[in-house]
Amino acid sequence: MSKSKDGLKILASITGPDSELNDGIAQAKLNLEVAQMIYDARTNAGLSQSQLASLIGSKQPVIARLEDSDYEGHSLTMLQRIAVALEQRVEVRFVPQKEKGSGGKRKLQPA
């Protein structure tokens, strides 16, 4: 059996079925991805944190916080402001999650 190099798979094998812990890991991964996207877009545009902050009417520490993987307060509004300043656009998608034993389909409950 080959060993996985996927960090999330390795963590899942260690943590087992602890859904709360696994949800926390997934949230941390998402925060890291958003922070990295902001950093990459800014640096690809050749801007410093201060320059980007000025373009969106903010301060450098705000950009530093948004680029911090531990930050959990990313808002769609702020991401849109950054995208406009960098002449880009934000895309949001809903992607189905597979539930164990259900084949990834959820039944809607009556309201």
PDB file of N, CA and C in Angstrom:
ATOM      1  N   MET A   1       0.851  -1.180   0.000  1.00  0.00           N
ATOM      2  CA  MET A   1       0.000   0.000   0.000  1.00  0.00           C
ATOM      3  C   MET A   1       0.893   1.237   0.000  1.00  0.00           C
ATOM      4  N   SER A   2       0.634   2.189  -0.901  1.00  0.00           N
ATOM      5  CA  SER A   2       1.446   3.398  -0.969  1.00  0.00           C
ATOM      6  C   SER A   2       0.997   4.398   0.090  1.00  0.00           C
ATOM      7  N   LYS A   3       1.962   5.184   0.525  1.00  0.00           N
ATOM      8  CA  LYS A   3       1.675   6.174   1.557  1.00  0.00           C
ATOM      9  C   LYS A   3       1.163   7.451   0.904  1.00  0.00           C
ATOM     10  N   SER A   4       0.186   8.077   1.543  1.00  0.00           N
ATOM     11  CA  SER A   4      -0.401   9.311   1.037  1.00  0.00           C
ATOM     12  C   SER A   4       0.501  10.494   1.350  1.00  0.00           C
ATOM     13  N   LYS A   5       0.531  11.443   0.429  1.00  0.00           N
ATOM     14  CA  LYS A   5       1.234  12.705   0.663  1.00  0.00           C
ATOM     15  C   LYS A   5       0.231  13.838   0.863  1.00  0.00           C
ATOM     16  N   ASP A   6      -1.059  13.496   0.836  1.00  0.00           N
ATOM     17  CA  ASP A   6      -2.137  14.469   1.024  1.00  0.00           C
ATOM     18  C   ASP A   6      -2.306  14.719   2.511  1.00  0.00           C
ATOM     19  N   GLY A   7      -1.981  15.932   2.937  1.00  0.00           N
ATOM     20  CA  GLY A   7      -2.031  16.275   4.358  1.00  0.00           C
ATOM     21  C   GLY A   7      -3.398  16.050   4.986  1.00  0.00           C
ATOM     22  N   LEU A   8      -4.471  16.359   4.247  1.00  0.00           N
ATOM     23  CA  LEU A   8      -5.809  16.165   4.796  1.00  0.00           C
ATOM     24  C   LEU A   8      -6.127  14.689   4.990  1.00  0.00           C
ATOM     25  N   LYS A   9      -5.677  13.843   4.072  1.00  0.00           N
ATOM     26  CA  LYS A   9      -5.902  12.409   4.225  1.00  0.00           C
ATOM     27  C   LYS A   9      -5.112  11.861   5.416  1.00  0.00           C
ATOM     28  N   ILE A  10      -3.901  12.358   5.590  1.00  0.00           N
ATOM     29  CA  ILE A  10      -3.084  11.927   6.719  1.00  0.00           C
ATOM     30  C   ILE A  10      -3.749  12.336   8.029  1.00  0.00           C
ATOM     31  N   LEU A  11      -4.213  13.597   8.107  1.00  0.00           N
ATOM     32  CA  LEU A  11      -4.901  14.050   9.313  1.00  0.00           C
ATOM     33  C   LEU A  11      -6.163  13.245   9.577  1.00  0.00           C
ATOM     34  N   ALA A  12      -6.919  12.952   8.527  1.00  0.00           N
ATOM     35  CA  ALA A  12      -8.150  12.166   8.688  1.00  0.00           C
ATOM     36  C   ALA A  12      -7.842  10.777   9.220  1.00  0.00           C
ATOM     37  N   SER A  13      -6.734  10.192   8.768  1.00  0.00           N
ATOM     38  CA  SER A  13      -6.391   8.855   9.263  1.00  0.00           C
ATOM     39  C   SER A  13      -5.980   8.901  10.730  1.00  0.00           C
ATOM     40  N   ILE A  14      -5.448  10.041  11.170  1.00  0.00           N
ATOM     41  CA  ILE A  14      -5.044  10.194  12.570  1.00  0.00           C
ATOM     42  C   ILE A  14      -6.238  10.521  13.458  1.00  0.00           C
ATOM     43  N   THR A  15      -7.092  11.434  12.990  1.00  0.00           N
ATOM     44  CA  THR A  15      -8.208  11.906  13.813  1.00  0.00           C
ATOM     45  C   THR A  15      -9.397  10.968  13.793  1.00  0.00           C
ATOM     46  N   GLY A  16      -9.494  10.150  12.763  1.00  0.00           N
ATOM     47  CA  GLY A  16     -10.625   9.234  12.673  1.00  0.00           C
ATOM     48  C   GLY A  16     -11.923   9.972  12.408  1.00  0.00           C
ATOM     49  N   PRO A  17     -13.036   9.434  12.931  1.00  0.00           N
ATOM     50  CA  PRO A  17     -14.351   9.984  12.601  1.00  0.00           C
ATOM     51  C   PRO A  17     -14.785  11.171  13.472  1.00  0.00           C
ATOM     52  N   ASP A  18     -13.860  11.869  14.103  1.00  0.00           N
ATOM     53  CA  ASP A  18     -14.203  13.020  14.945  1.00  0.00           C
ATOM     54  C   ASP A  18     -14.661  14.168  14.048  1.00  0.00           C
ATOM     55  N   SER A  19     -15.972  14.281  13.850  1.00  0.00           N
ATOM     56  CA  SER A  19     -16.503  15.254  12.892  1.00  0.00           C
ATOM     57  C   SER A  19     -16.204  16.694  13.294  1.00  0.00           C
ATOM     58  N   GLU A  20     -16.208  16.991  14.585  1.00  0.00           N
ATOM     59  CA  GLU A  20     -15.919  18.357  15.027  1.00  0.00           C
ATOM     60  C   GLU A  20     -14.482  18.741  14.679  1.00  0.00           C
ATOM     61  N   LEU A  21     -13.551  17.842  14.940  1.00  0.00           N
ATOM     62  CA  LEU A  21     -12.149  18.091  14.617  1.00  0.00           C
ATOM     63  C   LEU A  21     -11.952  18.182  13.114  1.00  0.00           C
ATOM     64  N   ASN A  22     -12.581  17.282  12.372  1.00  0.00           N
ATOM     65  CA  ASN A  22     -12.457  17.314  10.917  1.00  0.00           C
ATOM     66  C   ASN A  22     -13.077  18.574  10.318  1.00  0.00           C
ATOM     67  N   ASP A  23     -14.172  19.060  10.891  1.00  0.00           N
ATOM     68  CA  ASP A  23     -14.770  20.320  10.442  1.00  0.00           C
ATOM     69  C   ASP A  23     -13.811  21.484  10.694  1.00  0.00           C
ATOM     70  N   GLY A  24     -13.137  21.461  11.836  1.00  0.00           N
ATOM     71  CA  GLY A  24     -12.162  22.502  12.152  1.00  0.00           C
ATOM     72  C   GLY A  24     -10.991  22.487  11.180  1.00  0.00           C
ATOM     73  N   ILE A  25     -10.546  21.305  10.818  1.00  0.00           N
ATOM     74  CA  ILE A  25      -9.452  21.173   9.848  1.00  0.00           C
ATOM     75  C   ILE A  25      -9.894  21.713   8.487  1.00  0.00           C
ATOM     76  N   ALA A  26     -11.108  21.380   8.075  1.00  0.00           N
ATOM     77  CA  ALA A  26     -11.636  21.857   6.790  1.00  0.00           C
ATOM     78  C   ALA A  26     -11.753  23.382   6.787  1.00  0.00           C
ATOM     79  N   GLN A  27     -12.188  23.964   7.916  1.00  0.00           N
ATOM     80  CA  GLN A  27     -12.309  25.420   8.007  1.00  0.00           C
ATOM     81  C   GLN A  27     -10.933  26.072   7.942  1.00  0.00           C
ATOM     82  N   ALA A  28      -9.958  25.488   8.623  1.00  0.00           N
ATOM     83  CA  ALA A  28      -8.600  26.024   8.588  1.00  0.00           C
ATOM     84  C   ALA A  28      -8.035  25.976   7.171  1.00  0.00           C
ATOM     85  N   LYS A  29      -8.333  24.900   6.456  1.00  0.00           N
ATOM     86  CA  LYS A  29      -7.879  24.769   5.066  1.00  0.00           C
ATOM     87  C   LYS A  29      -8.501  25.858   4.197  1.00  0.00           C
ATOM     88  N   LEU A  30      -9.783  26.102   4.394  1.00  0.00           N
ATOM     89  CA  LEU A  30     -10.464  27.144   3.626  1.00  0.00           C
ATOM     90  C   LEU A  30      -9.876  28.517   3.928  1.00  0.00           C
ATOM     91  N   ASN A  31      -9.638  28.824   5.211  1.00  0.00           N
ATOM     92  CA  ASN A  31      -9.038  30.098   5.584  1.00  0.00           C
ATOM     93  C   ASN A  31      -7.670  30.274   4.931  1.00  0.00           C
ATOM     94  N   LEU A  32      -6.881  29.203   4.927  1.00  0.00           N
ATOM     95  CA  LEU A  32      -5.563  29.244   4.301  1.00  0.00           C
ATOM     96  C   LEU A  32      -5.680  29.506   2.805  1.00  0.00           C
ATOM     97  N   GLU A  33      -6.616  28.835   2.149  1.00  0.00           N
ATOM     98  CA  GLU A  33      -6.783  29.010   0.704  1.00  0.00           C
ATOM     99  C   GLU A  33      -7.181  30.442   0.358  1.00  0.00           C
ATOM    100  N   VAL A  34      -8.100  31.028   1.124  1.00  0.00           N
ATOM    101  CA  VAL A  34      -8.533  32.401   0.853  1.00  0.00           C
ATOM    102  C   VAL A  34      -7.379  33.371   1.090  1.00  0.00           C
ATOM    103  N   ALA A  35      -6.669  33.200   2.193  1.00  0.00           N
ATOM    104  CA  ALA A  35      -5.526  34.067   2.490  1.00  0.00           C
ATOM    105  C   ALA A  35      -4.479  33.972   1.382  1.00  0.00           C
ATOM    106  N   GLN A  36      -4.223  32.756   0.909  1.00  0.00           N
ATOM    107  CA  GLN A  36      -3.221  32.560  -0.144  1.00  0.00           C
ATOM    108  C   GLN A  36      -3.675  33.185  -1.455  1.00  0.00           C
ATOM    109  N   MET A  37      -4.977  33.096  -1.766  1.00  0.00           N
ATOM    110  CA  MET A  37      -5.488  33.708  -2.991  1.00  0.00           C
ATOM    111  C   MET A  37      -5.311  35.227  -2.959  1.00  0.00           C
ATOM    112  N   ILE A  38      -5.586  35.833  -1.814  1.00  0.00           N
ATOM    113  CA  ILE A  38      -5.422  37.287  -1.692  1.00  0.00           C
ATOM    114  C   ILE A  38      -3.956  37.658  -1.867  1.00  0.00           C
ATOM    115  N   TYR A  39      -3.082  36.933  -1.174  1.00  0.00           N
ATOM    116  CA  TYR A  39      -1.640  37.193  -1.285  1.00  0.00           C
ATOM    117  C   TYR A  39      -1.166  37.042  -2.730  1.00  0.00           C
ATOM    118  N   ASP A  40      -1.543  35.935  -3.374  1.00  0.00           N
ATOM    119  CA  ASP A  40      -1.108  35.681  -4.745  1.00  0.00           C
ATOM    120  C   ASP A  40      -1.604  36.756  -5.705  1.00  0.00           C
ATOM    121  N   ALA A  41      -2.866  37.142  -5.574  1.00  0.00           N
ATOM    122  CA  ALA A  41      -3.429  38.169  -6.465  1.00  0.00           C
ATOM    123  C   ALA A  41      -2.714  39.504  -6.267  1.00  0.00           C
ATOM    124  N   ARG A  42      -2.445  39.851  -5.005  1.00  0.00           N
ATOM    125  CA  ARG A  42      -1.758  41.118  -4.719  1.00  0.00           C
ATOM    126  C   ARG A  42      -0.341  41.111  -5.259  1.00  0.00           C
ATOM    127  N   THR A  43       0.412  40.048  -4.978  1.00  0.00           N
ATOM    128  CA  THR A  43       1.810  40.014  -5.422  1.00  0.00           C
ATOM    129  C   THR A  43       1.915  39.883  -6.940  1.00  0.00           C
ATOM    130  N   ASN A  44       0.990  39.148  -7.563  1.00  0.00           N
ATOM    131  CA  ASN A  44       0.987  39.060  -9.026  1.00  0.00           C
ATOM    132  C   ASN A  44       0.713  40.416  -9.665  1.00  0.00           C
ATOM    133  N   ALA A  45      -0.019  41.270  -8.953  1.00  0.00           N
ATOM    134  CA  ALA A  45      -0.287  42.624  -9.442  1.00  0.00           C
ATOM    135  C   ALA A  45       0.875  43.566  -9.139  1.00  0.00           C
ATOM    136  N   GLY A  46       1.873  43.062  -8.416  1.00  0.00           N
ATOM    137  CA  GLY A  46       3.050  43.877  -8.098  1.00  0.00           C
ATOM    138  C   GLY A  46       2.794  44.933  -7.037  1.00  0.00           C
ATOM    139  N   LEU A  47       1.839  44.667  -6.153  1.00  0.00           N
ATOM    140  CA  LEU A  47       1.474  45.650  -5.131  1.00  0.00           C
ATOM    141  C   LEU A  47       1.944  45.219  -3.751  1.00  0.00           C
ATOM    142  N   SER A  48       2.277  46.208  -2.949  1.00  0.00           N
ATOM    143  CA  SER A  48       2.548  45.956  -1.534  1.00  0.00           C
ATOM    144  C   SER A  48       1.213  45.918  -0.799  1.00  0.00           C
ATOM    145  N   GLN A  49       1.240  45.466   0.441  1.00  0.00           N
ATOM    146  CA  GLN A  49       0.016  45.485   1.246  1.00  0.00           C
ATOM    147  C   GLN A  49      -0.499  46.910   1.389  1.00  0.00           C
ATOM    148  N   SER A  50       0.401  47.865   1.579  1.00  0.00           N
ATOM    149  CA  SER A  50      -0.010  49.267   1.726  1.00  0.00           C
ATOM    150  C   SER A  50      -0.659  49.801   0.455  1.00  0.00           C
ATOM    151  N   GLN A  51      -0.105  49.440  -0.686  1.00  0.00           N
ATOM    152  CA  GLN A  51      -0.669  49.905  -1.954  1.00  0.00           C
ATOM    153  C   GLN A  51      -2.067  49.331  -2.187  1.00  0.00           C
ATOM    154  N   LEU A  52      -2.238  48.043  -1.912  1.00  0.00           N
ATOM    155  CA  LEU A  52      -3.567  47.446  -2.073  1.00  0.00           C
ATOM    156  C   LEU A  52      -4.548  48.071  -1.092  1.00  0.00           C
ATOM    157  N   ALA A  53      -4.120  48.271   0.132  1.00  0.00           N
ATOM    158  CA  ALA A  53      -4.988  48.894   1.135  1.00  0.00           C
ATOM    159  C   ALA A  53      -5.452  50.262   0.659  1.00  0.00           C
ATOM    160  N   SER A  54      -4.543  51.032   0.106  1.00  0.00           N
ATOM    161  CA  SER A  54      -4.892  52.365  -0.400  1.00  0.00           C
ATOM    162  C   SER A  54      -5.930  52.278  -1.515  1.00  0.00           C
ATOM    163  N   LEU A  55      -5.778  51.291  -2.397  1.00  0.00           N
ATOM    164  CA  LEU A  55      -6.724  51.125  -3.502  1.00  0.00           C
ATOM    165  C   LEU A  55      -8.137  50.795  -3.031  1.00  0.00           C
ATOM    166  N   ILE A  56      -8.252  50.095  -1.906  1.00  0.00           N
ATOM    167  CA  ILE A  56      -9.585  49.710  -1.430  1.00  0.00           C
ATOM    168  C   ILE A  56     -10.072  50.611  -0.292  1.00  0.00           C
ATOM    169  N   GLY A  57      -9.307  51.667   0.015  1.00  0.00           N
ATOM    170  CA  GLY A  57      -9.725  52.599   1.059  1.00  0.00           C
ATOM    171  C   GLY A  57      -9.569  52.024   2.452  1.00  0.00           C
ATOM    172  N   SER A  58      -8.471  51.304   2.665  1.00  0.00           N
ATOM    173  CA  SER A  58      -8.248  50.667   3.955  1.00  0.00           C
ATOM    174  C   SER A  58      -6.820  50.932   4.411  1.00  0.00           C
ATOM    175  N   LYS A  59      -6.383  50.188   5.391  1.00  0.00           N
ATOM    176  CA  LYS A  59      -5.031  50.337   5.945  1.00  0.00           C
ATOM    177  C   LYS A  59      -4.264  49.029   5.776  1.00  0.00           C
ATOM    178  N   GLN A  60      -2.940  49.118   5.767  1.00  0.00           N
ATOM    179  CA  GLN A  60      -2.077  47.951   5.569  1.00  0.00           C
ATOM    180  C   GLN A  60      -2.355  46.822   6.552  1.00  0.00           C
ATOM    181  N   PRO A  61      -2.582  47.101   7.854  1.00  0.00           N
ATOM    182  CA  PRO A  61      -2.840  45.980   8.768  1.00  0.00           C
ATOM    183  C   PRO A  61      -4.079  45.149   8.397  1.00  0.00           C
ATOM    184  N   VAL A  62      -5.040  45.759   7.727  1.00  0.00           N
ATOM    185  CA  VAL A  62      -6.230  45.018   7.285  1.00  0.00           C
ATOM    186  C   VAL A  62      -5.826  43.979   6.238  1.00  0.00           C
ATOM    187  N   ILE A  63      -4.976  44.384   5.300  1.00  0.00           N
ATOM    188  CA  ILE A  63      -4.518  43.453   4.268  1.00  0.00           C
ATOM    189  C   ILE A  63      -3.671  42.348   4.906  1.00  0.00           C
ATOM    190  N   ALA A  64      -2.810  42.721   5.843  1.00  0.00           N
ATOM    191  CA  ALA A  64      -1.986  41.717   6.535  1.00  0.00           C
ATOM    192  C   ALA A  64      -2.876  40.695   7.238  1.00  0.00           C
ATOM    193  N   ARG A  65      -3.929  41.153   7.874  1.00  0.00           N
ATOM    194  CA  ARG A  65      -4.857  40.252   8.566  1.00  0.00           C
ATOM    195  C   ARG A  65      -5.571  39.335   7.572  1.00  0.00           C
ATOM    196  N   LEU A  66      -5.990  39.887   6.434  1.00  0.00           N
ATOM    197  CA  LEU A  66      -6.676  39.086   5.420  1.00  0.00           C
ATOM    198  C   LEU A  66      -5.762  38.021   4.818  1.00  0.00           C
ATOM    199  N   GLU A  67      -4.462  38.296   4.798  1.00  0.00           N
ATOM    200  CA  GLU A  67      -3.495  37.353   4.243  1.00  0.00           C
ATOM    201  C   GLU A  67      -2.972  36.376   5.295  1.00  0.00           C
ATOM    202  N   ASP A  68      -3.471  36.479   6.514  1.00  0.00           N
ATOM    203  CA  ASP A  68      -3.071  35.585   7.598  1.00  0.00           C
ATOM    204  C   ASP A  68      -3.955  34.346   7.563  1.00  0.00           C
ATOM    205  N   SER A  69      -3.352  33.170   7.501  1.00  0.00           N
ATOM    206  CA  SER A  69      -4.137  31.936   7.389  1.00  0.00           C
ATOM    207  C   SER A  69      -4.993  31.655   8.616  1.00  0.00           C
ATOM    208  N   ASP A  70      -4.704  32.313   9.739  1.00  0.00           N
ATOM    209  CA  ASP A  70      -5.498  32.116  10.953  1.00  0.00           C
ATOM    210  C   ASP A  70      -6.729  33.022  11.002  1.00  0.00           C
ATOM    211  N   TYR A  71      -6.814  33.976  10.081  1.00  0.00           N
ATOM    212  CA  TYR A  71      -7.932  34.920  10.088  1.00  0.00           C
ATOM    213  C   TYR A  71      -9.203  34.233   9.598  1.00  0.00           C
ATOM    214  N   GLU A  72     -10.297  34.408  10.332  1.00  0.00           N
ATOM    215  CA  GLU A  72     -11.552  33.744   9.993  1.00  0.00           C
ATOM    216  C   GLU A  72     -12.649  34.715   9.563  1.00  0.00           C
ATOM    217  N   GLY A  73     -12.324  35.980   9.346  1.00  0.00           N
ATOM    218  CA  GLY A  73     -13.355  36.965   9.075  1.00  0.00           C
ATOM    219  C   GLY A  73     -13.453  37.445   7.641  1.00  0.00           C
ATOM    220  N   HIS A  74     -13.026  36.618   6.681  1.00  0.00           N
ATOM    221  CA  HIS A  74     -13.124  37.035   5.287  1.00  0.00           C
ATOM    222  C   HIS A  74     -14.590  37.250   4.920  1.00  0.00           C
ATOM    223  N   SER A  75     -14.864  38.391   4.345  1.00  0.00           N
ATOM    224  CA  SER A  75     -16.235  38.660   3.916  1.00  0.00           C
ATOM    225  C   SER A  75     -16.272  38.775   2.396  1.00  0.00           C
ATOM    226  N   LEU A  76     -17.397  38.430   1.839  1.00  0.00           N
ATOM    227  CA  LEU A  76     -17.562  38.527   0.395  1.00  0.00           C
ATOM    228  C   LEU A  76     -17.413  39.979  -0.060  1.00  0.00           C
ATOM    229  N   THR A  77     -17.891  40.904   0.735  1.00  0.00           N
ATOM    230  CA  THR A  77     -17.779  42.327   0.396  1.00  0.00           C
ATOM    231  C   THR A  77     -16.317  42.745   0.279  1.00  0.00           C
ATOM    232  N   MET A  78     -15.497  42.344   1.255  1.00  0.00           N
ATOM    233  CA  MET A  78     -14.074  42.710   1.220  1.00  0.00           C
ATOM    234  C   MET A  78     -13.377  42.015   0.057  1.00  0.00           C
ATOM    235  N   LEU A  79     -13.695  40.759  -0.182  1.00  0.00           N
ATOM    236  CA  LEU A  79     -13.086  40.065  -1.315  1.00  0.00           C
ATOM    237  C   LEU A  79     -13.456  40.750  -2.632  1.00  0.00           C
ATOM    238  N   GLN A  80     -14.681  41.226  -2.734  1.00  0.00           N
ATOM    239  CA  GLN A  80     -15.120  41.929  -3.938  1.00  0.00           C
ATOM    240  C   GLN A  80     -14.358  43.241  -4.103  1.00  0.00           C
ATOM    241  N   ARG A  81     -14.154  43.970  -3.017  1.00  0.00           N
ATOM    242  CA  ARG A  81     -13.380  45.224  -3.081  1.00  0.00           C
ATOM    243  C   ARG A  81     -11.960  44.963  -3.572  1.00  0.00           C
ATOM    244  N   ILE A  82     -11.353  43.899  -3.065  1.00  0.00           N
ATOM    245  CA  ILE A  82      -9.994  43.548  -3.484  1.00  0.00           C
ATOM    246  C   ILE A  82      -9.986  43.150  -4.955  1.00  0.00           C
ATOM    247  N   ALA A  83     -10.947  42.341  -5.364  1.00  0.00           N
ATOM    248  CA  ALA A  83     -11.018  41.900  -6.757  1.00  0.00           C
ATOM    249  C   ALA A  83     -11.145  43.086  -7.702  1.00  0.00           C
ATOM    250  N   VAL A  84     -12.003  44.024  -7.377  1.00  0.00           N
ATOM    251  CA  VAL A  84     -12.191  45.208  -8.223  1.00  0.00           C
ATOM    252  C   VAL A  84     -10.889  45.996  -8.308  1.00  0.00           C
ATOM    253  N   ALA A  85     -10.223  46.184  -7.181  1.00  0.00           N
ATOM    254  CA  ALA A  85      -8.962  46.929  -7.162  1.00  0.00           C
ATOM    255  C   ALA A  85      -7.895  46.254  -8.013  1.00  0.00           C
ATOM    256  N   LEU A  86      -7.942  44.922  -8.089  1.00  0.00           N
ATOM    257  CA  LEU A  86      -6.946  44.164  -8.854  1.00  0.00           C
ATOM    258  C   LEU A  86      -7.445  43.800 -10.250  1.00  0.00           C
ATOM    259  N   GLU A  87      -8.570  44.417 -10.648  1.00  0.00           N
ATOM    260  CA  GLU A  87      -9.183  44.183 -11.950  1.00  0.00           C
ATOM    261  C   GLU A  87      -9.465  42.697 -12.168  1.00  0.00           C
ATOM    262  N   GLN A  88     -10.047  42.097 -11.152  1.00  0.00           N
ATOM    263  CA  GLN A  88     -10.445  40.695 -11.202  1.00  0.00           C
ATOM    264  C   GLN A  88     -11.884  40.591 -10.723  1.00  0.00           C
ATOM    265  N   ARG A  89     -12.383  39.368 -10.639  1.00  0.00           N
ATOM    266  CA  ARG A  89     -13.727  39.156 -10.121  1.00  0.00           C
ATOM    267  C   ARG A  89     -13.702  37.981  -9.158  1.00  0.00           C
ATOM    268  N   VAL A  90     -14.664  37.941  -8.290  1.00  0.00           N
ATOM    269  CA  VAL A  90     -14.793  36.862  -7.317  1.00  0.00           C
ATOM    270  C   VAL A  90     -15.811  35.874  -7.844  1.00  0.00           C
ATOM    271  N   GLU A  91     -15.509  34.589  -7.739  1.00  0.00           N
ATOM    272  CA  GLU A  91     -16.456  33.543  -8.096  1.00  0.00           C
ATOM    273  C   GLU A  91     -16.742  32.716  -6.854  1.00  0.00           C
ATOM    274  N   VAL A  92     -18.005  32.425  -6.623  1.00  0.00           N
ATOM    275  CA  VAL A  92     -18.411  31.601  -5.490  1.00  0.00           C
ATOM    276  C   VAL A  92     -19.194  30.422  -6.042  1.00  0.00           C
ATOM    277  N   ARG A  93     -18.875  29.225  -5.551  1.00  0.00           N
ATOM    278  CA  ARG A  93     -19.566  28.026  -6.023  1.00  0.00           C
ATOM    279  C   ARG A  93     -20.011  27.211  -4.821  1.00  0.00           C
ATOM    280  N   PHE A  94     -21.115  26.515  -4.974  1.00  0.00           N
ATOM    281  CA  PHE A  94     -21.528  25.508  -4.015  1.00  0.00           C
ATOM    282  C   PHE A  94     -21.125  24.158  -4.603  1.00  0.00           C
ATOM    283  N   VAL A  95     -20.399  23.380  -3.832  1.00  0.00           N
ATOM    284  CA  VAL A  95     -19.912  22.079  -4.277  1.00  0.00           C
ATOM    285  C   VAL A  95     -20.484  21.030  -3.347  1.00  0.00           C
ATOM    286  N   PRO A  96     -21.132  20.003  -3.891  1.00  0.00           N
ATOM    287  CA  PRO A  96     -21.741  18.995  -3.026  1.00  0.00           C
ATOM    288  C   PRO A  96     -20.702  18.256  -2.189  1.00  0.00           C
ATOM    289  N   GLN A  97     -21.099  17.943  -0.973  1.00  0.00           N
ATOM    290  CA  GLN A  97     -20.293  17.101  -0.101  1.00  0.00           C
ATOM    291  C   GLN A  97     -20.921  15.729  -0.099  1.00  0.00           C
ATOM    292  N   LYS A  98     -20.096  14.732  -0.070  1.00  0.00           N
ATOM    293  CA  LYS A  98     -20.626  13.375   0.014  1.00  0.00           C
ATOM    294  C   LYS A  98     -20.773  13.011   1.474  1.00  0.00           C
ATOM    295  N   GLU A  99     -21.951  12.532   1.815  1.00  0.00           N
ATOM    296  CA  GLU A  99     -22.181  12.045   3.166  1.00  0.00           C
ATOM    297  C   GLU A  99     -21.969  10.552   3.171  1.00  0.00           C
ATOM    298  N   LYS A 100     -21.374  10.045   4.208  1.00  0.00           N
ATOM    299  CA  LYS A 100     -21.143   8.610   4.306  1.00  0.00           C
ATOM    300  C   LYS A 100     -22.484   7.885   4.335  1.00  0.00           C
ATOM    301  N   GLY A 101     -22.593   6.900   3.493  1.00  0.00           N
ATOM    302  CA  GLY A 101     -23.782   6.056   3.494  1.00  0.00           C
ATOM    303  C   GLY A 101     -24.964   6.626   2.724  1.00  0.00           C
ATOM    304  N   SER A 102     -24.865   7.848   2.216  1.00  0.00           N
ATOM    305  CA  SER A 102     -26.009   8.416   1.512  1.00  0.00           C
ATOM    306  C   SER A 102     -25.711   8.652   0.037  1.00  0.00           C
ATOM    307  N   GLY A 103     -24.480   8.348  -0.378  1.00  0.00           N
ATOM    308  CA  GLY A 103     -24.137   8.563  -1.764  1.00  0.00           C
ATOM    309  C   GLY A 103     -24.054  10.037  -2.104  1.00  0.00           C
ATOM    310  N   GLY A 104     -23.935  10.902  -1.083  1.00  0.00           N
ATOM    311  CA  GLY A 104     -23.799  12.327  -1.305  1.00  0.00           C
ATOM    312  C   GLY A 104     -25.103  13.066  -1.488  1.00  0.00           C
ATOM    313  N   LYS A 105     -26.244  12.364  -1.373  1.00  0.00           N
ATOM    314  CA  LYS A 105     -27.537  13.024  -1.575  1.00  0.00           C
ATOM    315  C   LYS A 105     -28.207  13.229  -0.225  1.00  0.00           C
ATOM    316  N   ARG A 106     -28.801  14.389  -0.084  1.00  0.00           N
ATOM    317  CA  ARG A 106     -29.524  14.713   1.136  1.00  0.00           C
ATOM    318  C   ARG A 106     -30.996  14.830   0.812  1.00  0.00           C
ATOM    319  N   LYS A 107     -31.800  14.383   1.718  1.00  0.00           N
ATOM    320  CA  LYS A 107     -33.235  14.539   1.557  1.00  0.00           C
ATOM    321  C   LYS A 107     -33.648  15.836   2.226  1.00  0.00           C
ATOM    322  N   LEU A 108     -34.462  16.606   1.525  1.00  0.00           N
ATOM    323  CA  LEU A 108     -34.967  17.841   2.103  1.00  0.00           C
ATOM    324  C   LEU A 108     -36.064  17.533   3.091  1.00  0.00           C
ATOM    325  N   GLN A 109     -36.026  18.194   4.215  1.00  0.00           N
ATOM    326  CA  GLN A 109     -37.049  18.018   5.230  1.00  0.00           C
ATOM    327  C   GLN A 109     -38.143  19.055   5.009  1.00  0.00           C
ATOM    328  N   PRO A 110     -39.389  18.686   5.173  1.00  0.00           N
ATOM    329  CA  PRO A 110     -40.475  19.659   5.013  1.00  0.00           C
ATOM    330  C   PRO A 110     -40.342  20.775   6.053  1.00  0.00           C
ATOM    331  N   ALA A 111     -40.702  21.965   5.641  1.00  0.00           N
ATOM    332  CA  ALA A 111     -40.598  23.126   6.543  1.00  0.00           C
ATOM    333  C   ALA A 111     -41.724  23.142   7.533  1.00  0.00           C
TER     334      ALA A 111
END
